[in-house]
Amino acid sequence: MTDPQPLDAYSQIVAGVAAELTGKVASLRVPRAGRGGESLGSAVVFTGDGFLLTNAHVVGNASAGTAAFSDGSTSPFRVVGADPLSDLAVLRTAGQTPPPAELGEADDLVVGQLVVAVGNPLGLAGSVTAGVVSALGRSLPTRSGTAARLVEDVIQTDAALNPGNSGGALADSHARVVGINTAVAGLGVGLAVPVNATTRRIISALMRHGRVRRAYLGLVSAPAPLPAVLAERVGRPAGLRVVEVVSGGPADRAGLRAGDLLVSAGRNPVSTAQDLQRLMFADAIGRPMAITVMRNGALVDVIAEPSELVAA
């Protein structure tokens, strides 16, 4: 009788991640309010006292549901808080859960890196697929009522995702959860909300307050190159061009204009939409924010006072 052949290195990594995470990713059943039936999804255990992380679109308007784990146990859960503008939601189970998964850092990912998706596609519990990070820095449009936002730095992967994978884990080779699978954009194209400093802040707000309060400036911007002299002075090549200013909004009241090139906000450099969005949380509401722009070749300082973003 011959000894079984050892797994190759790739298989060892994927199998190791699967063994570590499969038990920590729950299969969700969520009642559909007013429509009957249930929607299916996934969620990741991320604390030792029963908190789970999933997508806001998985729970929708529901307040509760049932989580099932690979060991055969089930537990009712309640929705602690959901944030459609980041497509994240936090749940808490009433019973015992497996040990928590470790959250990683999506900002450290590189294109081509191995990632493993763990979830419950099409109701098939404990499914594992593997692929690579196909691209970084994608944007995912989200909406809540009349408020719209782009989730920045979304991870694109070719690890196979299907309905039901939403809310499941996208993990690196060390079984650290670097993303929450959120969408299938096409054949071989899956998207995941990154786990990074910004989403950790959102998760913390949902756990503590059940919602995320956001500040609002009332402008639309796009990355644009800084003039060479200014780029050398500030040590970076790009800023944010103001494309549109909402009439009567905080940016308008502060005197910002379409065509202005944002260099800094709140004394922080801004060169991407995420740089500005990560400043737009509760502690910025109603507080003066210094903004520096380049206008007609000169640097101009204004003071804006962000208001609270109202979703509905």
Protein backbone atom coordinates (compact mmCIF):
# COMPACT_ATOMS: atom_id res chain seq x y z
CA MET A 1 0.00 0.00 0.00
CA THR A 2 1.49 3.33 -1.04
CA ASP A 3 1.47 6.41 1.16
CA PRO A 4 -0.96 9.14 0.07
CA GLN A 5 0.69 11.90 -1.92
CA PRO A 6 1.16 15.12 0.06
CA LEU A 7 -0.80 18.14 -1.06
CA ASP A 8 0.98 20.67 -3.19
CA ALA A 9 1.73 24.04 -1.60
CA TYR A 10 -1.27 25.80 -3.19
CA SER A 11 -3.68 23.12 -2.01
CA GLN A 12 -2.18 23.18 1.47
CA ILE A 13 -2.86 26.90 1.76
CA VAL A 14 -6.45 26.72 0.48
CA ALA A 15 -7.23 23.66 2.59
CA GLY A 16 -5.73 25.36 5.64
CA VAL A 17 -7.84 28.49 5.16
CA ALA A 18 -10.94 26.35 4.61
CA ALA A 19 -10.29 24.37 7.79
CA GLU A 20 -9.76 27.57 9.78
CA LEU A 21 -12.73 29.58 8.48
CA THR A 22 -15.53 27.26 7.36
CA GLY A 23 -16.87 26.84 10.89
CA LYS A 24 -16.74 30.58 11.51
CA VAL A 25 -18.92 31.58 8.56
CA ALA A 26 -22.63 31.21 9.22
CA SER A 27 -25.43 30.55 6.76
CA LEU A 28 -28.17 33.14 7.23
CA ARG A 29 -31.90 32.86 6.73
CA VAL A 30 -33.57 36.24 6.80
CA PRO A 31 -37.37 36.73 6.57
CA ARG A 32 -38.49 39.03 3.77
CA ALA A 33 -40.66 41.69 5.33
CA GLY A 34 -44.01 42.00 3.56
CA ARG A 35 -43.05 39.67 0.73
CA GLY A 36 -42.97 36.28 2.40
CA GLY A 37 -40.25 33.70 2.14
CA GLU A 38 -36.62 34.09 3.11
CA SER A 39 -33.43 35.49 1.66
CA LEU A 40 -30.17 33.60 2.06
CA GLY A 41 -26.71 34.89 2.80
CA SER A 42 -23.59 34.46 4.86
CA ALA A 43 -22.00 36.13 7.89
CA VAL A 44 -18.62 36.01 9.61
CA VAL A 45 -18.18 35.59 13.37
CA PHE A 46 -15.74 38.32 14.36
CA THR A 47 -15.98 38.56 18.16
CA GLY A 48 -16.03 36.00 20.94
CA ASP A 49 -19.38 37.23 22.29
CA GLY A 50 -21.59 36.56 19.30
CA PHE A 51 -21.19 39.47 16.88
CA LEU A 52 -21.36 38.62 13.17
CA LEU A 53 -20.48 40.74 10.16
CA THR A 54 -22.44 40.59 6.91
CA ASN A 55 -23.78 42.80 4.11
CA ALA A 56 -26.53 45.34 4.69
CA HIS A 57 -28.31 44.11 1.56
CA VAL A 58 -28.45 40.58 3.00
CA VAL A 59 -30.58 41.68 5.97
CA GLY A 60 -32.46 44.45 4.17
CA ASN A 61 -35.15 45.82 6.46
CA ALA A 62 -35.31 42.71 8.64
CA SER A 63 -34.63 42.96 12.36
CA ALA A 64 -33.87 39.29 13.02
CA GLY A 65 -33.24 35.90 11.46
CA THR A 66 -31.47 32.59 11.97
CA ALA A 67 -27.79 31.69 11.68
CA ALA A 68 -26.66 28.11 11.06
CA PHE A 69 -23.11 26.85 11.49
CA SER A 70 -21.20 23.96 9.95
CA ASP A 71 -21.31 21.98 13.21
CA GLY A 72 -25.08 21.73 12.83
CA SER A 73 -25.94 24.31 15.48
CA THR A 74 -28.37 27.14 14.82
CA SER A 75 -29.01 30.38 16.66
CA PRO A 76 -31.46 33.25 16.26
CA PHE A 77 -29.85 36.63 15.66
CA ARG A 78 -30.94 40.23 15.83
CA VAL A 79 -29.71 42.99 13.56
CA VAL A 80 -27.65 45.35 15.71
CA GLY A 81 -27.18 47.86 12.92
CA ALA A 82 -27.00 48.10 9.13
CA ASP A 83 -25.32 50.71 6.96
CA PRO A 84 -26.45 50.52 3.31
CA LEU A 85 -23.91 53.18 2.30
CA SER A 86 -21.04 50.80 3.09
CA ASP A 87 -23.14 47.64 2.54
CA LEU A 88 -22.15 46.38 5.99
CA ALA A 89 -24.31 45.12 8.84
CA VAL A 90 -23.59 43.80 12.31
CA LEU A 91 -25.66 41.00 13.85
CA ARG A 92 -25.64 39.40 17.29
CA THR A 93 -26.64 35.85 18.02
CA ALA A 94 -28.54 34.74 21.10
CA GLY A 95 -26.60 31.50 21.49
CA GLN A 96 -23.08 30.14 21.37
CA THR A 97 -20.94 30.75 18.30
CA PRO A 98 -17.68 29.29 17.06
CA PRO A 99 -14.46 31.15 17.90
CA PRO A 100 -14.11 34.40 15.93
CA ALA A 101 -12.29 34.82 12.66
CA GLU A 102 -9.33 37.20 12.60
CA LEU A 103 -9.89 40.43 10.68
CA GLY A 104 -7.01 41.35 8.38
CA GLU A 105 -5.97 44.49 6.53
CA ALA A 106 -7.15 44.94 2.95
CA ASP A 107 -4.85 47.92 2.41
CA ASP A 108 -1.91 45.47 2.41
CA LEU A 109 -3.27 43.39 -0.48
CA VAL A 110 -1.54 43.30 -3.86
CA VAL A 111 -2.92 42.36 -7.26
CA GLY A 112 -2.31 38.70 -7.99
CA GLN A 113 -2.37 37.66 -4.33
CA LEU A 114 -4.14 34.43 -3.44
CA VAL A 115 -7.51 34.86 -1.72
CA VAL A 116 -10.10 32.33 -0.57
CA ALA A 117 -13.87 32.93 -0.42
CA VAL A 118 -15.90 31.09 2.21
CA GLY A 119 -19.69 31.30 2.21
CA ASN A 120 -22.98 29.63 1.42
CA PRO A 121 -23.78 30.14 -2.27
CA LEU A 122 -27.18 28.96 -3.47
CA GLY A 123 -27.81 27.53 -0.01
CA LEU A 124 -24.78 25.19 -0.25
CA ALA A 125 -23.31 25.65 3.21
CA GLY A 126 -19.58 25.74 3.82
CA SER A 127 -18.54 26.31 0.20
CA VAL A 128 -14.95 27.33 -0.49
CA THR A 129 -13.53 28.84 -3.68
CA ALA A 130 -10.10 30.26 -4.37
CA GLY A 131 -8.66 32.80 -6.77
CA VAL A 132 -6.57 35.91 -6.80
CA VAL A 133 -7.01 39.61 -6.20
CA SER A 134 -7.84 40.66 -9.76
CA ALA A 135 -7.80 44.40 -9.09
CA LEU A 136 -7.84 46.91 -6.27
CA GLY A 137 -9.33 50.37 -5.95
CA ARG A 138 -12.66 49.56 -7.60
CA SER A 139 -15.72 51.58 -6.58
CA LEU A 140 -19.12 50.19 -5.62
CA PRO A 141 -22.14 52.55 -5.87
CA THR A 142 -24.49 52.32 -2.88
CA ARG A 143 -27.67 54.13 -1.91
CA SER A 144 -29.84 54.67 1.16
CA GLY A 145 -32.97 56.69 0.52
CA THR A 146 -31.88 59.82 -1.32
CA ALA A 147 -28.26 59.54 -0.14
CA ALA A 148 -25.74 57.96 -2.49
CA ARG A 149 -22.12 57.05 -1.94
CA LEU A 150 -19.24 55.15 -3.49
CA VAL A 151 -17.62 52.43 -1.41
CA GLU A 152 -13.97 52.98 -2.32
CA ASP A 153 -11.08 50.50 -2.61
CA VAL A 154 -13.42 47.58 -3.25
CA ILE A 155 -11.56 44.30 -3.88
CA GLN A 156 -12.11 42.56 -7.21
CA THR A 157 -11.49 38.80 -7.27
CA ASP A 158 -11.95 35.91 -9.67
CA ALA A 159 -12.76 33.52 -6.80
CA ALA A 160 -16.17 32.18 -7.80
CA LEU A 161 -19.04 33.95 -6.04
CA ASN A 162 -22.76 33.24 -6.37
CA PRO A 163 -25.97 34.42 -4.68
CA GLY A 164 -25.70 33.45 -1.03
CA ASN A 165 -21.97 34.24 -0.88
CA SER A 166 -22.89 37.80 0.08
CA GLY A 167 -21.76 38.52 3.62
CA GLY A 168 -19.19 35.73 3.59
CA ALA A 169 -15.45 35.96 4.09
CA LEU A 170 -12.75 36.81 1.59
CA ALA A 171 -9.54 35.73 3.29
CA ASP A 172 -5.82 35.88 2.65
CA SER A 173 -3.49 32.88 2.81
CA HIS A 174 -3.26 33.22 6.61
CA ALA A 175 -7.06 32.93 6.99
CA ARG A 176 -7.37 36.61 7.91
CA VAL A 177 -10.62 38.13 6.67
CA VAL A 178 -9.67 40.99 4.35
CA GLY A 179 -13.06 41.52 2.74
CA ILE A 180 -16.78 40.81 2.99
CA ASN A 181 -18.05 39.39 -0.30
CA THR A 182 -20.79 41.64 -1.60
CA ALA A 183 -21.50 41.35 -5.32
CA VAL A 184 -21.12 39.35 -8.49
CA ALA A 185 -20.33 41.86 -11.22
CA GLY A 186 -20.09 39.30 -14.00
CA LEU A 187 -18.61 35.94 -14.94
CA GLY A 188 -15.36 35.61 -13.02
CA VAL A 189 -15.75 39.05 -11.43
CA GLY A 190 -16.61 39.21 -7.74
CA LEU A 191 -16.42 42.22 -5.44
CA ALA A 192 -15.77 42.47 -1.71
CA VAL A 193 -16.02 45.37 0.72
CA PRO A 194 -12.52 45.79 2.16
CA VAL A 195 -11.68 45.39 5.84
CA ASN A 196 -9.54 48.44 6.62
CA ALA A 197 -9.40 51.43 8.96
CA THR A 198 -12.50 53.03 7.44
CA THR A 199 -14.68 49.91 7.62
CA ARG A 200 -13.44 49.13 11.12
CA ARG A 201 -14.74 52.54 12.14
CA ILE A 202 -18.09 51.75 10.53
CA ILE A 203 -18.27 48.36 12.26
CA SER A 204 -17.47 49.97 15.63
CA ALA A 205 -20.22 52.58 15.14
CA LEU A 206 -22.75 49.88 14.24
CA MET A 207 -21.83 47.85 17.32
CA ARG A 208 -22.07 50.82 19.66
CA HIS A 209 -24.87 52.90 18.17
CA GLY A 210 -26.65 50.72 15.63
CA ARG A 211 -26.04 53.22 12.85
CA VAL A 212 -23.36 55.33 11.24
CA ARG A 213 -23.67 59.10 11.39
CA ARG A 214 -21.95 60.79 8.47
CA ALA A 215 -20.99 64.36 7.79
CA TYR A 216 -21.97 66.01 4.51
CA LEU A 217 -20.18 68.70 2.51
CA GLY A 218 -22.36 68.76 -0.60
CA LEU A 219 -19.86 68.44 -3.39
CA VAL A 220 -18.94 66.01 -6.13
CA SER A 221 -15.25 65.54 -6.82
CA ALA A 222 -12.87 63.52 -8.97
CA PRO A 223 -9.11 62.89 -8.72
CA ALA A 224 -7.02 65.35 -10.74
CA PRO A 225 -3.27 66.02 -11.06
CA LEU A 226 -1.75 68.86 -9.06
CA PRO A 227 0.40 71.42 -10.89
CA ALA A 228 4.05 70.34 -10.85
CA VAL A 229 5.22 73.08 -8.49
CA LEU A 230 2.44 72.37 -5.98
CA ALA A 231 2.91 68.59 -6.31
CA GLU A 232 6.58 68.98 -5.42
CA ARG A 233 5.71 71.26 -2.51
CA VAL A 234 3.14 68.92 -0.93
CA GLY A 235 4.86 65.69 -1.92
CA ARG A 236 2.04 64.04 -3.86
CA PRO A 237 0.86 64.18 -7.46
CA ALA A 238 -2.92 64.52 -7.16
CA GLY A 239 -5.78 66.33 -5.48
CA LEU A 240 -9.56 66.34 -5.92
CA ARG A 241 -11.22 68.50 -8.56
CA VAL A 242 -14.60 69.87 -7.50
CA VAL A 243 -16.99 68.84 -10.26
CA GLU A 244 -20.22 70.08 -8.70
CA VAL A 245 -21.27 72.02 -5.59
CA VAL A 246 -24.76 71.40 -4.19
CA SER A 247 -26.63 74.69 -3.92
CA GLY A 248 -27.15 75.73 -0.31
CA GLY A 249 -24.96 72.95 1.07
CA PRO A 250 -22.01 73.38 3.44
CA ALA A 251 -19.46 73.57 0.61
CA ASP A 252 -21.55 76.19 -1.17
CA ARG A 253 -21.91 78.25 2.01
CA ALA A 254 -18.14 78.06 2.52
CA GLY A 255 -17.53 79.51 -0.93
CA LEU A 256 -16.22 76.42 -2.72
CA ARG A 257 -16.77 76.42 -6.47
CA ALA A 258 -16.83 73.92 -9.31
CA GLY A 259 -13.31 73.82 -10.75
CA ASP A 260 -11.55 74.25 -7.41
CA LEU A 261 -8.76 71.75 -6.80
CA LEU A 262 -8.90 70.39 -3.24
CA VAL A 263 -5.47 70.03 -1.68
CA SER A 264 -6.38 69.36 1.97
CA ALA A 265 -9.39 69.11 4.28
CA GLY A 266 -9.25 69.26 8.04
CA ARG A 267 -5.46 69.65 7.63
CA ASN A 268 -5.34 66.20 6.01
CA PRO A 269 -4.13 65.70 2.43
CA VAL A 270 -6.84 64.60 -0.01
CA SER A 271 -6.15 62.96 -3.35
CA THR A 272 -8.91 60.33 -3.57
CA ALA A 273 -12.60 60.25 -2.74
CA GLN A 274 -11.83 57.92 0.16
CA ASP A 275 -9.47 60.51 1.68
CA LEU A 276 -12.42 62.88 1.93
CA GLN A 277 -14.99 60.22 2.90
CA ARG A 278 -12.92 58.98 5.83
CA LEU A 279 -13.19 62.48 7.32
CA MET A 280 -16.97 62.52 6.96
CA PHE A 281 -17.99 60.80 10.19
CA ALA A 282 -19.93 61.95 13.23
CA ASP A 283 -17.11 63.92 14.85
CA ALA A 284 -17.00 66.27 11.83
CA ILE A 285 -20.70 67.22 11.98
CA GLY A 286 -21.19 70.89 12.90
CA ARG A 287 -17.48 71.53 13.41
CA PRO A 288 -15.44 74.02 11.36
CA MET A 289 -13.26 72.25 8.82
CA ALA A 290 -10.38 74.08 7.16
CA ILE A 291 -10.20 73.34 3.43
CA THR A 292 -7.39 74.44 1.11
CA VAL A 293 -8.01 74.60 -2.64
CA MET A 294 -6.11 75.82 -5.65
CA ARG A 295 -8.15 78.37 -7.60
CA ASN A 296 -6.88 80.34 -10.58
CA GLY A 297 -3.30 79.38 -9.74
CA ALA A 298 -3.45 80.49 -6.10
CA LEU A 299 -4.03 78.62 -2.85
CA VAL A 300 -7.28 79.64 -1.14
CA ASP A 301 -8.33 78.69 2.40
CA VAL A 302 -12.00 78.37 3.33
CA ILE A 303 -13.83 77.13 6.41
CA ALA A 304 -16.72 74.70 5.88
CA GLU A 305 -19.04 73.32 8.55
CA PRO A 306 -20.28 69.85 7.50
CA SER A 307 -23.89 69.04 8.29
CA GLU A 308 -25.31 65.57 9.00
CA LEU A 309 -26.06 63.41 5.98
CA VAL A 310 -29.75 62.50 5.98
CA ALA A 311 -30.41 59.23 4.13
CA ALA A 312 -34.15 59.54 3.61
